[in-house]
């Protein structure tokens, strides 16, 4: 099985290399790993101990960030190394001031040894998922504590199949699991891993703190005025097609669309879907013929504003539910916004919880979107339930910090 794993890693590299010829993310994946070890050697003092945090992408970074920042608040002298697998995480957080930030070298026996020698970790923290055989084995061989935080497991994962012995071996390298729910803990116990505790999801701590001190967005305030506003976060084309019917039906509302992809062709596509009264955020301060307040739809053509935009909303639509799965519902719920999303949410416990609490609705059509919009537009109870859910679930960071120190 190890031979197949090695082969799979090599095949993946070849596929990414081919895709890099015409795909910008794949190109960044390849480019970011060129001369990577020399870059690490120049920036990191191997003579000092470091705490290594690894994140698959941006979402996992925000999820694990409360633990990283709490650790530094308690021990300001600690040195932190952060790695990302995905360009979408690295490119946005590469200048994060509290750590040295790098791409994760591809998981090979040679790379894992060299990387660990360069960063000299005293402990390692992976957030939610990504289980790399050679890195995990090398950490175990060196007796370096390895923690998985905000972990979540499902019965259909390979670890719990009769043929998953190789992957179960990877999990055995983990010193301790901090999981989101009881099911995850039971699944780990079922394969002989009792080193787990239900700590909850650190995203609740992150979104709770964000909601306490959102950034002031003057341009957005001017755009909204006193109008109720729907914040549409991390939308894709399928989401936007449904949402495009709302402005005409609700002329008294304002609509803010923060798409998942902000390349020019996607922004132009949104403008075509919302032809009347739409404006890009980047031109709000330019000399437009109409006052800002007269626009009905604002298209956010940058990355990084969404978590603060929810502060200005009455209701949220979360994208991704017609593709691989919905994006972050908790950022909106933390501000007391009921949430609407597409049908693919089965992997997200918080979405299921919010539906049960009456603070969320899943929709599959334009008609269902209109029904859900009508329901939440005049439902203060849903808003209270959404905010209370986040408030009640926070605290995972403290549980983790107390255990690993």
Protein backbone atom coordinates (compact mmCIF):
# COMPACT_ATOMS: atom_id res chain seq x y z
CA UNK A 1 0.00 0.00 0.00
CA UNK A 2 2.90 2.34 0.72
CA UNK A 3 4.10 1.81 -2.83
CA UNK A 4 0.69 2.90 -4.14
CA UNK A 5 0.78 5.95 -1.86
CA UNK A 6 4.19 6.95 -3.25
CA UNK A 7 2.91 6.45 -6.76
CA UNK A 8 -0.22 8.49 -6.02
CA UNK A 9 1.90 11.41 -4.79
CA UNK A 10 4.01 11.30 -7.96
CA UNK A 11 0.98 11.09 -10.22
CA UNK A 12 -0.58 14.05 -8.40
CA UNK A 13 2.58 16.09 -9.01
CA UNK A 14 2.49 15.29 -12.72
CA UNK A 15 -1.19 16.22 -12.98
CA UNK A 16 -0.61 19.54 -11.21
CA UNK A 17 2.35 20.25 -13.48
CA UNK A 18 0.19 19.69 -16.56
CA UNK A 19 -2.64 21.82 -15.16
CA UNK A 20 -0.18 24.62 -14.36
CA UNK A 21 0.12 25.26 -18.09
CA UNK A 22 -3.39 26.74 -18.15
CA UNK A 23 -4.66 26.94 -14.55
CA UNK A 24 -3.58 29.84 -12.35
CA UNK A 25 -3.95 27.99 -9.03
CA UNK A 26 -1.95 25.02 -10.28
CA UNK A 27 0.70 27.43 -11.53
CA UNK A 28 0.95 29.00 -8.06
CA UNK A 29 1.12 25.52 -6.51
CA UNK A 30 4.20 24.70 -8.62
CA UNK A 31 5.83 28.13 -8.50
CA UNK A 32 5.41 28.43 -4.72
CA UNK A 33 7.37 25.23 -4.15
CA UNK A 34 10.39 26.14 -6.29
CA UNK A 35 13.47 26.75 -4.15
CA UNK A 36 11.22 26.25 -1.13
CA UNK A 37 13.83 24.65 1.11
CA UNK A 38 16.30 27.46 0.46
CA UNK A 39 13.59 29.97 1.36
CA UNK A 40 12.84 28.13 4.61
CA UNK A 41 16.54 27.90 5.44
CA UNK A 42 16.96 31.66 5.00
CA UNK A 43 13.94 32.62 7.11
CA UNK A 44 13.87 30.03 9.88
CA UNK A 45 16.56 29.55 12.53
CA UNK A 46 16.91 25.78 12.87
CA UNK A 47 18.70 26.30 16.16
CA UNK A 48 15.44 27.46 17.76
CA UNK A 49 12.40 25.38 18.59
CA UNK A 50 9.20 26.17 16.66
CA UNK A 51 5.53 25.33 16.84
CA UNK A 52 4.38 24.16 13.42
CA UNK A 53 0.77 24.81 12.37
CA UNK A 54 -0.41 23.28 9.11
CA UNK A 55 -3.57 24.30 7.26
CA UNK A 56 -5.00 22.88 4.06
CA UNK A 57 -6.30 26.27 2.95
CA UNK A 58 -7.72 29.60 4.12
CA UNK A 59 -10.78 28.17 5.85
CA UNK A 60 -8.69 25.86 8.01
CA UNK A 61 -6.37 28.75 8.84
CA UNK A 62 -9.26 30.79 10.20
CA UNK A 63 -10.42 27.69 12.05
CA UNK A 64 -7.09 27.07 13.76
CA UNK A 65 -6.13 30.71 14.17
CA UNK A 66 -7.67 31.09 17.65
CA UNK A 67 -5.36 28.36 18.99
CA UNK A 68 -2.30 29.89 17.34
CA UNK A 69 -3.03 33.37 18.65
CA UNK A 70 -3.98 32.16 22.13
CA UNK A 71 -0.70 30.25 22.31
CA UNK A 72 1.24 33.39 21.40
CA UNK A 73 -0.75 35.49 23.85
CA UNK A 74 0.34 33.13 26.63
CA UNK A 75 3.90 32.65 25.34
CA UNK A 76 4.90 35.63 23.17
CA UNK A 77 8.44 34.35 22.71
CA UNK A 78 7.39 31.18 20.90
CA UNK A 79 8.35 30.94 17.23
CA UNK A 80 5.62 29.85 14.84
CA UNK A 81 5.86 28.23 11.41
CA UNK A 82 2.69 28.04 9.31
CA UNK A 83 2.33 25.90 6.19
CA UNK A 84 -0.42 25.71 3.58
CA UNK A 85 -1.12 23.03 1.02
CA UNK A 86 -3.34 25.22 -1.16
CA UNK A 87 -2.44 28.46 -2.95
CA UNK A 88 -5.80 29.94 -1.91
CA UNK A 89 -4.61 29.84 1.70
CA UNK A 90 -0.97 30.74 1.18
CA UNK A 91 -1.46 33.64 -1.20
CA UNK A 92 -3.86 35.40 1.14
CA UNK A 93 -1.99 34.76 4.41
CA UNK A 94 1.65 34.69 3.26
CA UNK A 95 2.29 37.99 5.04
CA UNK A 96 0.65 36.93 8.31
CA UNK A 97 2.75 38.85 10.87
CA UNK A 98 2.78 36.28 13.69
CA UNK A 99 4.52 33.45 11.83
CA UNK A 100 6.87 32.41 9.08
CA UNK A 101 4.56 31.19 6.32
CA UNK A 102 5.40 28.63 3.61
CA UNK A 103 3.89 26.13 1.26
CA UNK A 104 4.02 22.56 2.56
CA UNK A 105 6.63 20.56 0.64
CA UNK A 106 5.14 17.55 -1.12
CA UNK A 107 4.83 14.53 1.19
CA UNK A 108 7.85 12.35 0.47
CA UNK A 109 10.27 10.62 2.83
CA UNK A 110 13.11 12.94 1.85
CA UNK A 111 11.03 16.12 2.05
CA UNK A 112 9.61 15.29 5.48
CA UNK A 113 13.06 14.70 6.97
CA UNK A 114 14.54 17.83 5.45
CA UNK A 115 11.60 20.04 6.38
CA UNK A 116 11.56 18.92 10.03
CA UNK A 117 15.31 19.44 10.30
CA UNK A 118 14.90 23.00 9.05
CA UNK A 119 12.01 24.06 11.28
CA UNK A 120 12.93 21.99 14.39
CA UNK A 121 9.37 21.69 15.80
CA UNK A 122 8.63 21.15 19.47
CA UNK A 123 4.99 20.39 18.63
CA UNK A 124 2.84 20.20 15.52
CA UNK A 125 -0.82 21.12 15.08
CA UNK A 126 -2.93 20.14 12.07
CA UNK A 127 -6.41 21.63 11.72
CA UNK A 128 -9.44 19.51 10.78
CA UNK A 129 -7.87 17.22 8.21
CA UNK A 130 -4.97 16.39 5.87
CA UNK A 131 -3.12 13.29 6.99
CA UNK A 132 0.30 12.91 5.34
CA UNK A 133 2.02 9.55 5.78
CA UNK A 134 5.69 10.57 5.63
CA UNK A 135 5.30 13.70 7.74
CA UNK A 136 3.32 11.84 10.37
CA UNK A 137 5.74 8.90 10.46
CA UNK A 138 8.75 11.20 10.74
CA UNK A 139 7.13 13.10 13.60
CA UNK A 140 6.42 9.82 15.38
CA UNK A 141 10.00 8.63 14.85
CA UNK A 142 11.30 11.85 16.38
CA UNK A 143 8.82 11.73 19.30
CA UNK A 144 7.41 15.15 18.40
CA UNK A 145 3.83 15.68 19.68
CA UNK A 146 1.29 15.89 16.87
CA UNK A 147 -2.21 17.22 17.50
CA UNK A 148 -5.27 17.33 15.26
CA UNK A 149 -7.67 20.10 16.28
CA UNK A 150 -11.30 20.61 15.18
CA UNK A 151 -11.13 17.13 13.71
CA UNK A 152 -14.27 15.61 12.26
CA UNK A 153 -14.72 12.05 11.03
CA UNK A 154 -17.50 10.27 9.15
CA UNK A 155 -18.25 6.55 8.74
CA UNK A 156 -17.72 6.63 4.98
CA UNK A 157 -14.09 7.73 5.28
CA UNK A 158 -11.39 5.25 4.32
CA UNK A 159 -10.06 5.02 7.88
CA UNK A 160 -13.15 3.05 8.89
CA UNK A 161 -13.33 0.67 5.94
CA UNK A 162 -12.04 -2.92 5.99
CA UNK A 163 -9.40 -1.95 3.43
CA UNK A 164 -8.26 1.17 5.32
CA UNK A 165 -5.43 -0.35 7.36
CA UNK A 166 -2.74 1.81 5.76
CA UNK A 167 -4.67 4.98 6.51
CA UNK A 168 -5.43 3.88 10.06
CA UNK A 169 -1.68 3.54 10.49
CA UNK A 170 -1.31 7.23 9.61
CA UNK A 171 -3.80 8.19 12.33
CA UNK A 172 -1.82 6.23 14.92
CA UNK A 173 0.95 8.80 14.64
CA UNK A 174 -1.32 11.47 16.14
CA UNK A 175 -0.65 12.19 19.81
CA UNK A 176 -4.13 13.53 20.51
CA UNK A 177 -7.32 14.30 18.61
CA UNK A 178 -9.53 17.25 19.52
CA UNK A 179 -12.73 16.48 17.65
CA UNK A 180 -15.89 18.41 16.92
CA UNK A 181 -18.53 15.87 17.94
CA UNK A 182 -19.26 12.60 19.72
CA UNK A 183 -19.61 10.65 16.47
CA UNK A 184 -16.01 11.46 15.57
CA UNK A 185 -14.81 10.25 18.94
CA UNK A 186 -16.82 7.02 18.67
CA UNK A 187 -15.40 6.33 15.22
CA UNK A 188 -11.85 6.77 16.46
CA UNK A 189 -12.52 4.47 19.41
CA UNK A 190 -13.92 1.87 17.00
CA UNK A 191 -10.48 1.56 15.39
CA UNK A 192 -8.63 1.51 18.71
CA UNK A 193 -7.78 5.20 19.01
CA UNK A 194 -8.84 6.35 22.48
CA UNK A 195 -6.63 9.45 22.57
CA UNK A 196 -9.45 11.82 21.71
CA UNK A 197 -11.66 14.38 23.39
CA UNK A 198 -14.73 16.24 22.16
CA UNK A 199 -13.53 19.83 22.36
CA UNK A 200 -15.85 21.34 19.76
CA UNK A 201 -15.00 23.45 16.75
CA UNK A 202 -12.51 26.33 17.11
CA UNK A 203 -14.33 28.18 14.32
CA UNK A 204 -16.95 29.19 16.89
CA UNK A 205 -14.26 30.98 18.90
CA UNK A 206 -12.98 32.69 15.78
CA UNK A 207 -16.34 33.93 14.50
CA UNK A 208 -17.44 34.94 18.01
CA UNK A 209 -14.38 37.17 18.43
CA UNK A 210 -14.81 38.57 14.92
CA UNK A 211 -18.42 39.51 15.62
CA UNK A 212 -17.35 41.40 18.76
CA UNK A 213 -15.12 43.78 16.80
CA UNK A 214 -16.00 43.95 13.09
CA UNK A 215 -14.19 46.33 10.77
CA UNK A 216 -16.00 49.55 9.94
CA UNK A 217 -16.70 49.73 6.20
CA UNK A 218 -17.70 53.31 5.41
CA UNK A 219 -18.43 52.66 1.74
CA UNK A 220 -20.75 49.79 2.63
CA UNK A 221 -22.59 51.91 5.17
CA UNK A 222 -23.16 54.58 2.53
CA UNK A 223 -24.38 51.98 0.04
CA UNK A 224 -26.86 50.43 2.48
CA UNK A 225 -28.24 53.53 4.11
CA UNK A 226 -31.24 52.35 6.16
CA UNK A 227 -32.23 49.47 3.85
CA UNK A 228 -32.43 45.86 5.02
CA UNK A 229 -29.62 43.92 3.34
CA UNK A 230 -28.98 40.38 2.15
CA UNK A 231 -25.30 39.40 2.32
CA UNK A 232 -24.44 36.71 -0.24
CA UNK A 233 -21.14 35.12 0.77
CA UNK A 234 -18.80 32.90 -1.27
CA UNK A 235 -21.25 32.51 -4.13
CA UNK A 236 -20.79 30.54 -7.32
CA UNK A 237 -22.54 30.87 -10.68
CA UNK A 238 -25.35 28.48 -9.72
CA UNK A 239 -26.07 30.53 -6.61
CA UNK A 240 -25.99 33.82 -8.46
CA UNK A 241 -28.48 32.64 -11.08
CA UNK A 242 -31.04 32.04 -8.33
CA UNK A 243 -30.23 35.21 -6.42
CA UNK A 244 -30.62 37.40 -9.50
CA UNK A 245 -34.43 37.25 -9.17
CA UNK A 246 -34.45 38.87 -5.73
CA UNK A 247 -33.63 42.56 -6.42
CA UNK A 248 -36.62 43.02 -8.74
CA UNK A 249 -38.96 41.31 -6.27
CA UNK A 250 -37.63 43.26 -3.28
CA UNK A 251 -36.84 46.82 -4.40
CA UNK A 252 -36.61 48.05 -0.80
CA UNK A 253 -33.74 45.66 -0.02
CA UNK A 254 -30.03 46.01 -0.77
CA UNK A 255 -27.96 43.05 -1.94
CA UNK A 256 -24.24 42.51 -1.41
CA UNK A 257 -22.57 39.72 -3.36
CA UNK A 258 -19.10 38.56 -2.29
CA UNK A 259 -18.29 35.76 -4.76
CA UNK A 260 -15.87 32.92 -4.05
CA UNK A 261 -13.96 33.68 -7.26
CA UNK A 262 -13.15 37.29 -8.13
CA UNK A 263 -11.47 36.94 -11.51
CA UNK A 264 -12.70 39.37 -14.14
CA UNK A 265 -14.83 36.93 -16.11
CA UNK A 266 -16.77 35.94 -13.00
CA UNK A 267 -17.35 39.54 -11.93
CA UNK A 268 -18.59 40.33 -15.44
CA UNK A 269 -20.91 37.32 -15.24
CA UNK A 270 -22.44 38.68 -12.02
CA UNK A 271 -22.90 42.09 -13.61
CA UNK A 272 -24.85 40.43 -16.43
CA UNK A 273 -27.01 38.56 -13.91
CA UNK A 274 -27.71 41.83 -12.05
CA UNK A 275 -27.83 44.40 -14.87
CA UNK A 276 -29.90 47.06 -13.10
CA UNK A 277 -28.46 49.05 -10.24
CA UNK A 278 -25.28 47.03 -9.60
CA UNK A 279 -21.85 48.44 -8.83
CA UNK A 280 -18.44 47.01 -8.01
CA UNK A 281 -16.94 47.79 -4.63
CA UNK A 282 -13.73 48.93 -6.34
CA UNK A 283 -15.53 51.82 -8.04
CA UNK A 284 -17.73 52.98 -5.18
CA UNK A 285 -15.47 55.95 -4.56
CA UNK A 286 -15.08 56.90 -8.21
CA UNK A 287 -17.06 59.65 -9.89
CA UNK A 288 -20.24 57.78 -10.67
CA UNK A 289 -23.21 59.50 -12.24
CA UNK A 290 -25.52 58.27 -9.51
CA UNK A 291 -25.09 58.57 -5.73
CA UNK A 292 -23.88 55.40 -4.02
CA UNK A 293 -27.16 54.96 -2.13
CA UNK A 294 -29.11 54.61 -5.40
CA UNK A 295 -27.46 51.32 -6.31
CA UNK A 296 -29.27 48.17 -5.20
CA UNK A 297 -26.59 45.50 -5.67
CA UNK A 298 -22.97 45.75 -4.55
CA UNK A 299 -20.47 43.29 -6.07
CA UNK A 300 -17.43 42.81 -3.85
CA UNK A 301 -14.46 42.33 -6.18
CA UNK A 302 -11.81 41.72 -3.51
CA UNK A 303 -10.89 39.10 -0.92
CA UNK A 304 -10.98 39.58 2.84
CA UNK A 305 -14.07 41.71 3.49
CA UNK A 306 -16.72 39.04 3.89
CA UNK A 307 -16.31 38.36 7.61
CA UNK A 308 -16.98 42.04 8.33
CA UNK A 309 -19.74 42.46 5.75
CA UNK A 310 -22.11 40.27 7.77
CA UNK A 311 -22.20 43.01 10.40
CA UNK A 312 -24.29 45.07 7.94
CA UNK A 313 -26.78 42.38 6.99
CA UNK A 314 -30.20 41.24 8.10
CA UNK A 315 -30.05 37.90 6.31
CA UNK A 316 -27.34 35.81 4.62
CA UNK A 317 -27.09 33.48 1.67
CA UNK A 318 -24.08 31.14 1.76
CA UNK A 319 -22.76 29.83 -1.56
CA UNK A 320 -21.35 26.47 -2.58
CA UNK A 321 -24.41 24.37 -1.90
CA UNK A 322 -24.89 23.52 -5.57
CA UNK A 323 -21.28 22.37 -5.91
CA UNK A 324 -18.85 20.60 -3.60
CA UNK A 325 -20.53 21.92 -0.44
CA UNK A 326 -21.49 25.10 1.37
CA UNK A 327 -18.99 27.61 2.67
CA UNK A 328 -18.79 29.15 6.15
CA UNK A 329 -22.23 29.66 7.72
CA UNK A 330 -20.88 30.49 11.17
CA UNK A 331 -19.47 33.91 10.25
CA UNK A 332 -22.98 35.05 9.40
CA UNK A 333 -24.67 33.29 12.32
CA UNK A 334 -22.29 34.96 14.78
CA UNK A 335 -23.80 38.31 13.79
CA UNK A 336 -27.31 36.95 14.27
CA UNK A 337 -28.08 36.44 10.59
CA UNK A 338 -30.35 33.56 9.59
CA UNK A 339 -28.75 31.69 6.68
CA UNK A 340 -29.97 30.20 3.41
CA UNK A 341 -27.90 27.76 1.35
CA UNK A 342 -28.10 25.11 -1.35
CA UNK A 343 -28.77 21.37 -0.97
CA UNK A 344 -25.22 20.08 -0.45
CA UNK A 345 -24.64 20.65 3.25
CA UNK A 346 -24.56 17.08 4.64
CA UNK A 347 -20.88 17.30 5.65
CA UNK A 348 -21.46 20.38 7.79
CA UNK A 349 -22.78 19.74 11.29
CA UNK A 350 -23.32 23.42 12.00
CA UNK A 351 -25.64 23.71 8.98
CA UNK A 352 -27.72 20.79 10.24
CA UNK A 353 -27.83 22.30 13.72
CA UNK A 354 -28.94 25.70 12.43
CA UNK A 355 -31.74 24.11 10.41
CA UNK A 356 -32.99 22.25 13.49
CA UNK A 357 -32.92 25.52 15.45
CA UNK A 358 -34.96 27.31 12.78
CA UNK A 359 -32.06 29.62 11.92
CA UNK A 360 -31.29 28.17 8.47
CA UNK A 361 -33.00 26.85 5.37
CA UNK A 362 -31.68 24.68 2.56
CA UNK A 363 -33.09 25.44 -0.88
CA UNK A 364 -32.94 23.71 -4.26
CA UNK A 365 -34.82 26.12 -6.54
CA UNK A 366 -35.72 29.74 -7.09
CA UNK A 367 -39.16 29.18 -5.61
CA UNK A 368 -37.69 27.74 -2.44
CA UNK A 369 -35.27 30.66 -2.24
CA UNK A 370 -38.16 33.13 -2.36
CA UNK A 371 -40.03 31.20 0.35
CA UNK A 372 -37.00 31.09 2.64
CA UNK A 373 -36.30 34.77 2.02
CA UNK A 374 -39.87 35.71 2.94
CA UNK A 375 -39.70 33.58 6.08
CA UNK A 376 -36.48 35.04 7.44
CA UNK A 377 -37.06 38.63 6.30
CA UNK A 378 -39.67 39.01 9.04
CA UNK A 379 -38.40 36.53 11.62
CA UNK A 380 -36.46 37.97 14.56
CA UNK A 381 -36.63 34.63 16.38
CA UNK A 382 -34.35 33.05 13.76
CA UNK A 383 -31.81 35.82 14.25
CA UNK A 384 -31.73 35.28 18.01
CA UNK A 385 -31.38 31.51 17.54
CA UNK A 386 -28.45 31.91 15.13
CA UNK A 387 -26.47 34.15 17.47
CA UNK A 388 -27.21 32.03 20.54
CA UNK A 389 -26.02 28.91 18.73
CA UNK A 390 -22.58 30.43 18.18
CA UNK A 391 -22.40 31.84 21.70
CA UNK A 392 -23.24 28.46 23.23
CA UNK A 393 -20.67 26.52 21.17
CA UNK A 394 -17.56 28.60 21.80
CA UNK A 395 -14.78 27.40 24.12
CA UNK A 396 -12.87 24.79 22.09
CA UNK A 397 -9.69 26.87 22.09
CA UNK A 398 -9.41 26.84 25.89
CA UNK A 399 -9.85 23.06 26.04
CA UNK A 400 -7.11 22.54 23.46
CA UNK A 401 -4.66 25.00 25.01
CA UNK A 402 -5.06 23.52 28.47
CA UNK A 403 -4.25 20.04 27.17
CA UNK A 404 -1.26 20.74 24.91
CA UNK A 405 0.65 22.98 27.32
